[in-house]
């Protein structure tokens, strides 16, 4: 082989390797964007779950306060004995 043929082979080898690396890079960026979308969905669902939990806890606290106030309004049975 001549020197020029070897140079052409090396140049095409580097060009092919660059194309392969560019393909891998595009694939990785697509995977990263999909991961970001999935993470956003999970964050949205978790936020909704925390909001529902906050509502449930708030209702429970309100109910416990009502029970507490009703118990305090009743006379103490122990004093009568």
PDB file of N, CA and C in Angstrom:
ATOM      1  N   UNK A   1       0.840  -1.178   0.000  1.00  0.00           N
ATOM      2  CA  UNK A   1       0.000   0.000   0.000  1.00  0.00           C
ATOM      3  C   UNK A   1       0.884   1.239   0.000  1.00  0.00           C
ATOM      4  N   UNK A   2       0.341   2.212  -0.629  1.00  0.00           N
ATOM      5  CA  UNK A   2       1.092   3.471  -0.674  1.00  0.00           C
ATOM      6  C   UNK A   2       0.784   4.296   0.574  1.00  0.00           C
ATOM      7  N   UNK A   3       1.612   5.271   0.781  1.00  0.00           N
ATOM      8  CA  UNK A   3       1.449   6.161   1.925  1.00  0.00           C
ATOM      9  C   UNK A   3       0.112   6.891   1.850  1.00  0.00           C
ATOM     10  N   UNK A   4      -0.289   7.302   0.667  1.00  0.00           N
ATOM     11  CA  UNK A   4      -1.545   8.033   0.507  1.00  0.00           C
ATOM     12  C   UNK A   4      -2.750   7.127   0.796  1.00  0.00           C
ATOM     13  N   UNK A   5      -2.696   5.884   0.421  1.00  0.00           N
ATOM     14  CA  UNK A   5      -3.793   4.946   0.698  1.00  0.00           C
ATOM     15  C   UNK A   5      -3.940   4.720   2.197  1.00  0.00           C
ATOM     16  N   UNK A   6      -2.809   4.605   2.889  1.00  0.00           N
ATOM     17  CA  UNK A   6      -2.846   4.414   4.338  1.00  0.00           C
ATOM     18  C   UNK A   6      -3.444   5.654   5.005  1.00  0.00           C
ATOM     19  N   UNK A   7      -3.079   6.837   4.527  1.00  0.00           N
ATOM     20  CA  UNK A   7      -3.633   8.069   5.089  1.00  0.00           C
ATOM     21  C   UNK A   7      -5.142   8.137   4.884  1.00  0.00           C
ATOM     22  N   UNK A   8      -5.612   7.720   3.697  1.00  0.00           N
ATOM     23  CA  UNK A   8      -7.048   7.721   3.414  1.00  0.00           C
ATOM     24  C   UNK A   8      -7.770   6.732   4.335  1.00  0.00           C
ATOM     25  N   UNK A   9      -7.184   5.590   4.541  1.00  0.00           N
ATOM     26  CA  UNK A   9      -7.806   4.579   5.414  1.00  0.00           C
ATOM     27  C   UNK A   9      -7.887   5.102   6.848  1.00  0.00           C
ATOM     28  N   UNK A  10      -6.807   5.714   7.302  1.00  0.00           N
ATOM     29  CA  UNK A  10      -6.803   6.263   8.670  1.00  0.00           C
ATOM     30  C   UNK A  10      -7.827   7.382   8.789  1.00  0.00           C
ATOM     31  N   UNK A  11      -7.895   8.267   7.790  1.00  0.00           N
ATOM     32  CA  UNK A  11      -8.856   9.376   7.838  1.00  0.00           C
ATOM     33  C   UNK A  11     -10.293   8.855   7.831  1.00  0.00           C
ATOM     34  N   UNK A  12     -10.581   7.866   6.986  1.00  0.00           N
ATOM     35  CA  UNK A  12     -11.931   7.307   6.964  1.00  0.00           C
ATOM     36  C   UNK A  12     -12.224   6.542   8.255  1.00  0.00           C
ATOM     37  N   UNK A  13     -11.214   5.935   8.840  1.00  0.00           N
ATOM     38  CA  UNK A  13     -11.402   5.257  10.124  1.00  0.00           C
ATOM     39  C   UNK A  13     -11.763   6.254  11.219  1.00  0.00           C
ATOM     40  N   UNK A  14     -11.049   7.387  11.253  1.00  0.00           N
ATOM     41  CA  UNK A  14     -11.380   8.423  12.235  1.00  0.00           C
ATOM     42  C   UNK A  14     -12.752   9.011  11.973  1.00  0.00           C
ATOM     43  N   UNK A  15     -13.093   9.219  10.700  1.00  0.00           N
ATOM     44  CA  UNK A  15     -14.415   9.759  10.361  1.00  0.00           C
ATOM     45  C   UNK A  15     -15.510   8.779  10.781  1.00  0.00           C
ATOM     46  N   UNK A  16     -15.299   7.504  10.543  1.00  0.00           N
ATOM     47  CA  UNK A  16     -16.280   6.500  10.961  1.00  0.00           C
ATOM     48  C   UNK A  16     -16.406   6.433  12.468  1.00  0.00           C
ATOM     49  N   UNK A  17     -15.278   6.519  13.168  1.00  0.00           N
ATOM     50  CA  UNK A  17     -15.305   6.498  14.616  1.00  0.00           C
ATOM     51  C   UNK A  17     -16.029   7.729  15.159  1.00  0.00           C
ATOM     52  N   UNK A  18     -15.805   8.886  14.535  1.00  0.00           N
ATOM     53  CA  UNK A  18     -16.498  10.115  14.948  1.00  0.00           C
ATOM     54  C   UNK A  18     -18.002   9.974  14.719  1.00  0.00           C
ATOM     55  N   UNK A  19     -18.396   9.378  13.594  1.00  0.00           N
ATOM     56  CA  UNK A  19     -19.822   9.167  13.323  1.00  0.00           C
ATOM     57  C   UNK A  19     -20.424   8.221  14.362  1.00  0.00           C
ATOM     58  N   UNK A  20     -19.700   7.177  14.708  1.00  0.00           N
ATOM     59  CA  UNK A  20     -20.188   6.243  15.719  1.00  0.00           C
ATOM     60  C   UNK A  20     -20.318   6.940  17.076  1.00  0.00           C
ATOM     61  N   UNK A  21     -19.332   7.745  17.439  1.00  0.00           N
ATOM     62  CA  UNK A  21     -19.404   8.474  18.703  1.00  0.00           C
ATOM     63  C   UNK A  21     -20.543   9.485  18.695  1.00  0.00           C
ATOM     64  N   UNK A  22     -20.778  10.127  17.575  1.00  0.00           N
ATOM     65  CA  UNK A  22     -21.894  11.061  17.469  1.00  0.00           C
ATOM     66  C   UNK A  22     -23.224  10.326  17.633  1.00  0.00           C
ATOM     67  N   UNK A  23     -23.330   9.137  17.052  1.00  0.00           N
ATOM     68  CA  UNK A  23     -24.541   8.330  17.226  1.00  0.00           C
ATOM     69  C   UNK A  23     -24.757   7.951  18.681  1.00  0.00           C
ATOM     70  N   UNK A  24     -23.688   7.566  19.360  1.00  0.00           N
ATOM     71  CA  UNK A  24     -23.783   7.231  20.787  1.00  0.00           C
ATOM     72  C   UNK A  24     -24.195   8.460  21.589  1.00  0.00           C
ATOM     73  N   UNK A  25     -23.638   9.603  21.249  1.00  0.00           N
ATOM     74  CA  UNK A  25     -23.976  10.842  21.951  1.00  0.00           C
ATOM     75  C   UNK A  25     -25.447  11.195  21.763  1.00  0.00           C
ATOM     76  N   UNK A  26     -25.956  11.074  20.551  1.00  0.00           N
ATOM     77  CA  UNK A  26     -27.373  11.353  20.298  1.00  0.00           C
ATOM     78  C   UNK A  26     -28.243  10.384  21.091  1.00  0.00           C
ATOM     79  N   UNK A  27     -27.872   9.111  21.122  1.00  0.00           N
ATOM     80  CA  UNK A  27     -28.629   8.119  21.879  1.00  0.00           C
ATOM     81  C   UNK A  27     -28.628   8.459  23.365  1.00  0.00           C
ATOM     82  N   UNK A  28     -27.466   8.852  23.896  1.00  0.00           N
ATOM     83  CA  UNK A  28     -27.378   9.204  25.313  1.00  0.00           C
ATOM     84  C   UNK A  28     -28.226  10.424  25.647  1.00  0.00           C
ATOM     85  N   UNK A  29     -28.241  11.417  24.758  1.00  0.00           N
ATOM     86  CA  UNK A  29     -29.054  12.609  25.001  1.00  0.00           C
ATOM     87  C   UNK A  29     -30.531  12.238  25.001  1.00  0.00           C
ATOM     88  N   UNK A  30     -30.933  11.366  24.081  1.00  0.00           N
ATOM     89  CA  UNK A  30     -32.331  10.926  24.068  1.00  0.00           C
ATOM     90  C   UNK A  30     -32.684  10.180  25.353  1.00  0.00           C
ATOM     91  N   UNK A  31     -31.787   9.331  25.816  1.00  0.00           N
ATOM     92  CA  UNK A  31     -32.019   8.613  27.065  1.00  0.00           C
ATOM     93  C   UNK A  31     -32.124   9.587  28.239  1.00  0.00           C
ATOM     94  N   UNK A  32     -31.284  10.605  28.238  1.00  0.00           N
ATOM     95  CA  UNK A  32     -31.303  11.600  29.305  1.00  0.00           C
ATOM     96  C   UNK A  32     -32.610  12.383  29.289  1.00  0.00           C
ATOM     97  N   UNK A  33     -33.085  12.753  28.111  1.00  0.00           N
ATOM     98  CA  UNK A  33     -34.351  13.478  28.018  1.00  0.00           C
ATOM     99  C   UNK A  33     -35.523  12.606  28.476  1.00  0.00           C
ATOM    100  N   UNK A  34     -35.498  11.331  28.135  1.00  0.00           N
ATOM    101  CA  UNK A  34     -36.549  10.420  28.588  1.00  0.00           C
ATOM    102  C   UNK A  34     -36.507  10.269  30.105  1.00  0.00           C
ATOM    103  N   UNK A  35     -35.310  10.177  30.657  1.00  0.00           N
ATOM    104  CA  UNK A  35     -35.164  10.083  32.107  1.00  0.00           C
ATOM    105  C   UNK A  35     -35.693  11.339  32.784  1.00  0.00           C
ATOM    106  N   UNK A  36     -35.434  12.491  32.192  1.00  0.00           N
ATOM    107  CA  UNK A  36     -35.921  13.753  32.749  1.00  0.00           C
ATOM    108  C   UNK A  36     -37.447  13.789  32.713  1.00  0.00           C
ATOM    109  N   UNK A  37     -38.064  13.325  31.628  1.00  0.00           N
ATOM    110  CA  UNK A  37     -39.521  13.286  31.542  1.00  0.00           C
ATOM    111  C   UNK A  37     -40.100  12.325  32.584  1.00  0.00           C
ATOM    112  N   UNK A  38     -39.479  11.166  32.718  1.00  0.00           N
ATOM    113  CA  UNK A  38     -39.936  10.201  33.717  1.00  0.00           C
ATOM    114  C   UNK A  38     -39.808  10.762  35.129  1.00  0.00           C
ATOM    115  N   UNK A  39     -38.709  11.443  35.395  1.00  0.00           N
ATOM    116  CA  UNK A  39     -38.502  12.047  36.719  1.00  0.00           C
ATOM    117  C   UNK A  39     -39.550  13.123  36.994  1.00  0.00           C
ATOM    118  N   UNK A  40     -39.878  13.904  35.989  1.00  0.00           N
ATOM    119  CA  UNK A  40     -40.896  14.939  36.158  1.00  0.00           C
ATOM    120  C   UNK A  40     -42.250  14.313  36.481  1.00  0.00           C
ATOM    121  N   UNK A  41     -42.565  13.201  35.824  1.00  0.00           N
ATOM    122  CA  UNK A  41     -43.824  12.509  36.118  1.00  0.00           C
ATOM    123  C   UNK A  41     -43.840  11.989  37.547  1.00  0.00           C
ATOM    124  N   UNK A  42     -42.739  11.419  37.984  1.00  0.00           N
ATOM    125  CA  UNK A  42     -42.656  10.900  39.355  1.00  0.00           C
ATOM    126  C   UNK A  42     -42.784  12.036  40.359  1.00  0.00           C
ATOM    127  N   UNK A  43     -42.135  13.139  40.093  1.00  0.00           N
ATOM    128  CA  UNK A  43     -42.213  14.294  41.001  1.00  0.00           C
ATOM    129  C   UNK A  43     -43.646  14.806  41.071  1.00  0.00           C
ATOM    130  N   UNK A  44     -44.332  14.861  39.933  1.00  0.00           N
ATOM    131  CA  UNK A  44     -45.722  15.324  39.925  1.00  0.00           C
ATOM    132  C   UNK A  44     -46.614  14.385  40.724  1.00  0.00           C
ATOM    133  N   UNK A  45     -46.429  13.072  40.545  1.00  0.00           N
ATOM    134  CA  UNK A  45     -47.237  12.109  41.295  1.00  0.00           C
ATOM    135  C   UNK A  45     -46.928  12.176  42.790  1.00  0.00           C
ATOM    136  N   UNK A  46     -45.663  12.338  43.145  1.00  0.00           N
ATOM    137  CA  UNK A  46     -45.298  12.445  44.563  1.00  0.00           C
ATOM    138  C   UNK A  46     -45.865  13.718  45.180  1.00  0.00           C
ATOM    139  N   UNK A  47     -45.853  14.803  44.435  1.00  0.00           N
ATOM    140  CA  UNK A  47     -46.420  16.049  44.932  1.00  0.00           C
ATOM    141  C   UNK A  47     -47.911  15.889  45.187  1.00  0.00           C
ATOM    142  N   UNK A  48     -48.598  15.214  44.270  1.00  0.00           N
ATOM    143  CA  UNK A  48     -50.027  14.967  44.447  1.00  0.00           C
ATOM    144  C   UNK A  48     -50.279  14.075  45.660  1.00  0.00           C
ATOM    145  N   UNK A  49     -49.440  13.058  45.851  1.00  0.00           N
ATOM    146  CA  UNK A  49     -49.588  12.167  47.004  1.00  0.00           C
ATOM    147  C   UNK A  49     -49.361  12.918  48.312  1.00  0.00           C
ATOM    148  N   UNK A  50     -48.377  13.788  48.344  1.00  0.00           N
ATOM    149  CA  UNK A  50     -48.111  14.573  49.555  1.00  0.00           C
ATOM    150  C   UNK A  50     -49.280  15.518  49.826  1.00  0.00           C
ATOM    151  N   UNK A  51     -49.844  16.087  48.782  1.00  0.00           N
ATOM    152  CA  UNK A  51     -51.000  16.970  48.952  1.00  0.00           C
ATOM    153  C   UNK A  51     -52.182  16.188  49.518  1.00  0.00           C
ATOM    154  N   UNK A  52     -52.431  14.985  48.983  1.00  0.00           N
ATOM    155  CA  UNK A  52     -53.513  14.149  49.507  1.00  0.00           C
ATOM    156  C   UNK A  52     -53.254  13.766  50.960  1.00  0.00           C
ATOM    157  N   UNK A  53     -52.013  13.447  51.280  1.00  0.00           N
ATOM    158  CA  UNK A  53     -51.661  13.100  52.655  1.00  0.00           C
ATOM    159  C   UNK A  53     -51.859  14.286  53.591  1.00  0.00           C
ATOM    160  N   UNK A  54     -51.508  15.470  53.129  1.00  0.00           N
ATOM    161  CA  UNK A  54     -51.700  16.676  53.933  1.00  0.00           C
ATOM    162  C   UNK A  54     -53.182  16.893  54.208  1.00  0.00           C
ATOM    163  N   UNK A  55     -54.015  16.679  53.200  1.00  0.00           N
ATOM    164  CA  UNK A  55     -55.460  16.811  53.390  1.00  0.00           C
ATOM    165  C   UNK A  55     -55.966  15.797  54.405  1.00  0.00           C
ATOM    166  N   UNK A  56     -55.508  14.557  54.291  1.00  0.00           N
ATOM    167  CA  UNK A  56     -55.920  13.513  55.222  1.00  0.00           C
ATOM    168  C   UNK A  56     -55.492  13.835  56.650  1.00  0.00           C
ATOM    169  N   UNK A  57     -54.264  14.275  56.814  1.00  0.00           N
ATOM    170  CA  UNK A  57     -53.766  14.616  58.154  1.00  0.00           C
ATOM    171  C   UNK A  57     -54.528  15.810  58.712  1.00  0.00           C
ATOM    172  N   UNK A  58     -54.814  16.781  57.878  1.00  0.00           N
ATOM    173  CA  UNK A  58     -55.560  17.953  58.323  1.00  0.00           C
ATOM    174  C   UNK A  58     -56.953  17.560  58.795  1.00  0.00           C
ATOM    175  N   UNK A  59     -57.614  16.679  58.038  1.00  0.00           N
ATOM    176  CA  UNK A  59     -58.940  16.202  58.449  1.00  0.00           C
ATOM    177  C   UNK A  59     -58.851  15.413  59.758  1.00  0.00           C
ATOM    178  N   UNK A  60     -57.816  14.604  59.906  1.00  0.00           N
ATOM    179  CA  UNK A  60     -57.637  13.820  61.131  1.00  0.00           C
ATOM    180  C   UNK A  60     -57.405  14.726  62.333  1.00  0.00           C
ATOM    181  N   UNK A  61     -56.607  15.750  62.158  1.00  0.00           N
ATOM    182  CA  UNK A  61     -56.345  16.686  63.264  1.00  0.00           C
ATOM    183  C   UNK A  61     -57.629  17.407  63.645  1.00  0.00           C
ATOM    184  N   UNK A  62     -58.405  17.810  62.656  1.00  0.00           N
ATOM    185  CA  UNK A  62     -59.669  18.484  62.942  1.00  0.00           C
ATOM    186  C   UNK A  62     -60.610  17.564  63.719  1.00  0.00           C
ATOM    187  N   UNK A  63     -60.696  16.297  63.304  1.00  0.00           N
ATOM    188  CA  UNK A  63     -61.546  15.327  63.998  1.00  0.00           C
ATOM    189  C   UNK A  63     -61.058  15.088  65.428  1.00  0.00           C
ATOM    190  N   UNK A  64     -59.755  14.959  65.606  1.00  0.00           N
ATOM    191  CA  UNK A  64     -59.212  14.763  66.957  1.00  0.00           C
ATOM    192  C   UNK A  64     -59.482  15.965  67.850  1.00  0.00           C
ATOM    193  N   UNK A  65     -59.428  17.147  67.298  1.00  0.00           N
ATOM    194  CA  UNK A  65     -59.742  18.342  68.106  1.00  0.00           C
ATOM    195  C   UNK A  65     -61.200  18.350  68.529  1.00  0.00           C
ATOM    196  N   UNK A  66     -62.082  17.929  67.611  1.00  0.00           N
ATOM    197  CA  UNK A  66     -63.503  17.853  67.974  1.00  0.00           C
ATOM    198  C   UNK A  66     -63.716  16.841  69.099  1.00  0.00           C
ATOM    199  N   UNK A  67     -63.095  15.668  68.979  1.00  0.00           N
ATOM    200  CA  UNK A  67     -63.221  14.649  70.026  1.00  0.00           C
ATOM    201  C   UNK A  67     -62.639  15.162  71.338  1.00  0.00           C
ATOM    202  N   UNK A  68     -61.512  15.841  71.260  1.00  0.00           N
ATOM    203  CA  UNK A  68     -60.880  16.409  72.462  1.00  0.00           C
ATOM    204  C   UNK A  68     -61.821  17.405  73.135  1.00  0.00           C
ATOM    205  N   UNK A  69     -62.403  18.283  72.357  1.00  0.00           N
ATOM    206  CA  UNK A  69     -63.308  19.284  72.931  1.00  0.00           C
ATOM    207  C   UNK A  69     -64.560  18.637  73.519  1.00  0.00           C
ATOM    208  N   UNK A  70     -65.079  17.597  72.859  1.00  0.00           N
ATOM    209  CA  UNK A  70     -66.245  16.903  73.399  1.00  0.00           C
ATOM    210  C   UNK A  70     -65.903  16.194  74.705  1.00  0.00           C
ATOM    211  N   UNK A  71     -64.738  15.584  74.776  1.00  0.00           N
ATOM    212  CA  UNK A  71     -64.330  14.922  76.017  1.00  0.00           C
ATOM    213  C   UNK A  71     -64.131  15.921  77.139  1.00  0.00           C
ATOM    214  N   UNK A  72     -63.585  17.076  76.839  1.00  0.00           N
ATOM    215  CA  UNK A  72     -63.407  18.091  77.881  1.00  0.00           C
ATOM    216  C   UNK A  72     -64.737  18.667  78.347  1.00  0.00           C
ATOM    217  N   UNK A  73     -65.751  18.669  77.483  1.00  0.00           N
ATOM    218  CA  UNK A  73     -67.054  19.224  77.851  1.00  0.00           C
ATOM    219  C   UNK A  73     -67.839  18.281  78.756  1.00  0.00           C
ATOM    220  N   UNK A  74     -67.491  16.999  78.803  1.00  0.00           N
ATOM    221  CA  UNK A  74     -68.218  16.037  79.637  1.00  0.00           C
ATOM    222  C   UNK A  74     -67.734  16.150  81.087  1.00  0.00           C
ATOM    223  N   UNK A  75     -68.628  15.867  82.022  1.00  0.00           N
ATOM    224  CA  UNK A  75     -68.204  15.921  83.424  1.00  0.00           C
ATOM    225  C   UNK A  75     -67.301  14.755  83.768  1.00  0.00           C
ATOM    226  N   UNK A  76     -66.491  14.958  84.733  1.00  0.00           N
ATOM    227  CA  UNK A  76     -65.566  13.929  85.172  1.00  0.00           C
ATOM    228  C   UNK A  76     -66.316  12.940  86.068  1.00  0.00           C
ATOM    229  N   UNK A  77     -66.318  11.672  85.697  1.00  0.00           N
ATOM    230  CA  UNK A  77     -67.015  10.644  86.457  1.00  0.00           C
ATOM    231  C   UNK A  77     -66.266  10.320  87.743  1.00  0.00           C
ATOM    232  N   UNK A  78     -64.982  10.440  87.758  1.00  0.00           N
ATOM    233  CA  UNK A  78     -64.169  10.067  88.919  1.00  0.00           C
ATOM    234  C   UNK A  78     -64.463  10.949  90.117  1.00  0.00           C
ATOM    235  N   UNK A  79     -64.889  12.175  89.910  1.00  0.00           N
ATOM    236  CA  UNK A  79     -65.161  13.071  91.034  1.00  0.00           C
ATOM    237  C   UNK A  79     -66.413  12.648  91.792  1.00  0.00           C
ATOM    238  N   UNK A  80     -67.356  12.018  91.112  1.00  0.00           N
ATOM    239  CA  UNK A  80     -68.618  11.661  91.739  1.00  0.00           C
ATOM    240  C   UNK A  80     -68.474  10.435  92.628  1.00  0.00           C
ATOM    241  N   UNK A  81     -67.499   9.620  92.424  1.00  0.00           N
ATOM    242  CA  UNK A  81     -67.345   8.380  93.222  1.00  0.00           C
ATOM    243  C   UNK A  81     -66.693   8.591  94.523  1.00  0.00           C
TER     244      UNK A  81
END
